[in-house]
Amino acid sequence: MAELEKLGQKYRVALRLRSKNNLQKAHNDWLLPLRMLVGGIAVANKNGIDQHAVDTLSRL
């Protein structure tokens, strides 16, 4: 039974590592570029309203 518990613990550790890697990949591949896009739109609109930018932000 101890071997089964040890195997289960290794499996849980592997799942946590995989989840962390997936979150890091999503952060780097999706969230950072989106943040840059939204930040760029916000800067472009600082002094005025651009309808295209407003529409883009609304869709996000």
Protein backbone atom coordinates (compact mmCIF):
# COMPACT_ATOMS: atom_id res chain seq x y z
CA MET A 1 0.00 0.00 0.00
CA ALA A 2 2.89 2.37 0.70
CA GLU A 3 4.07 2.02 -2.90
CA LEU A 4 0.62 3.02 -4.15
CA GLU A 5 0.59 6.08 -1.89
CA LYS A 6 4.08 7.03 -3.04
CA LEU A 7 3.00 6.70 -6.68
CA GLY A 8 -0.07 8.84 -6.00
CA GLN A 9 2.07 11.53 -4.40
CA LYS A 10 4.45 11.55 -7.40
CA TYR A 11 1.44 11.84 -9.72
CA ARG A 12 0.05 14.83 -7.78
CA VAL A 13 3.44 16.56 -7.86
CA ALA A 14 3.69 15.97 -11.63
CA LEU A 15 0.20 17.42 -12.13
CA ARG A 16 1.07 20.54 -10.15
CA LEU A 17 4.25 21.05 -12.18
CA ARG A 18 2.38 20.56 -15.43
CA SER A 19 -0.34 22.99 -14.36
CA LYS A 20 2.30 25.57 -13.42
CA ASN A 21 3.99 25.12 -16.80
CA ASN A 22 0.65 25.49 -18.61
CA LEU A 23 -0.14 28.67 -16.68
CA GLN A 24 3.30 30.10 -17.47
CA LYS A 25 2.85 29.28 -21.16
CA ALA A 26 -0.59 30.91 -21.26
CA HIS A 27 0.81 33.96 -19.48
CA ASN A 28 3.69 34.33 -21.93
CA ASP A 29 1.84 33.40 -25.13
CA TRP A 30 -1.51 35.06 -24.54
CA LEU A 31 -1.77 37.39 -21.56
CA LEU A 32 1.39 39.43 -22.11
CA PRO A 33 0.63 40.20 -25.78
CA LEU A 34 -2.96 41.08 -24.85
CA ARG A 35 -1.72 43.37 -22.10
CA MET A 36 0.58 45.14 -24.56
CA LEU A 37 -2.27 45.53 -27.06
CA VAL A 38 -4.65 47.00 -24.51
CA GLY A 39 -1.92 49.22 -23.09
CA GLY A 40 -1.13 50.52 -26.57
CA ILE A 41 -4.77 51.31 -27.21
CA ALA A 42 -5.05 53.11 -23.88
CA VAL A 43 -1.98 55.25 -24.63
CA ALA A 44 -3.26 56.06 -28.11
CA ASN A 45 -6.53 57.24 -26.62
CA LYS A 46 -5.08 59.25 -23.78
CA ASN A 47 -5.78 62.56 -25.50
CA GLY A 48 -8.82 61.61 -27.54
CA ILE A 49 -11.32 58.91 -28.34
CA ASP A 50 -10.71 56.66 -31.33
CA GLN A 51 -13.88 54.74 -32.19
CA HIS A 52 -11.93 51.75 -33.53
CA ALA A 53 -10.03 51.46 -30.25
CA VAL A 54 -13.24 51.77 -28.23
CA ASP A 55 -14.82 48.98 -30.30
CA THR A 56 -11.73 46.81 -29.86
CA LEU A 57 -11.70 47.26 -26.09
CA SER A 58 -15.43 46.54 -25.94
CA ARG A 59 -14.89 43.21 -27.69
CA LEU A 60 -12.14 42.21 -25.28
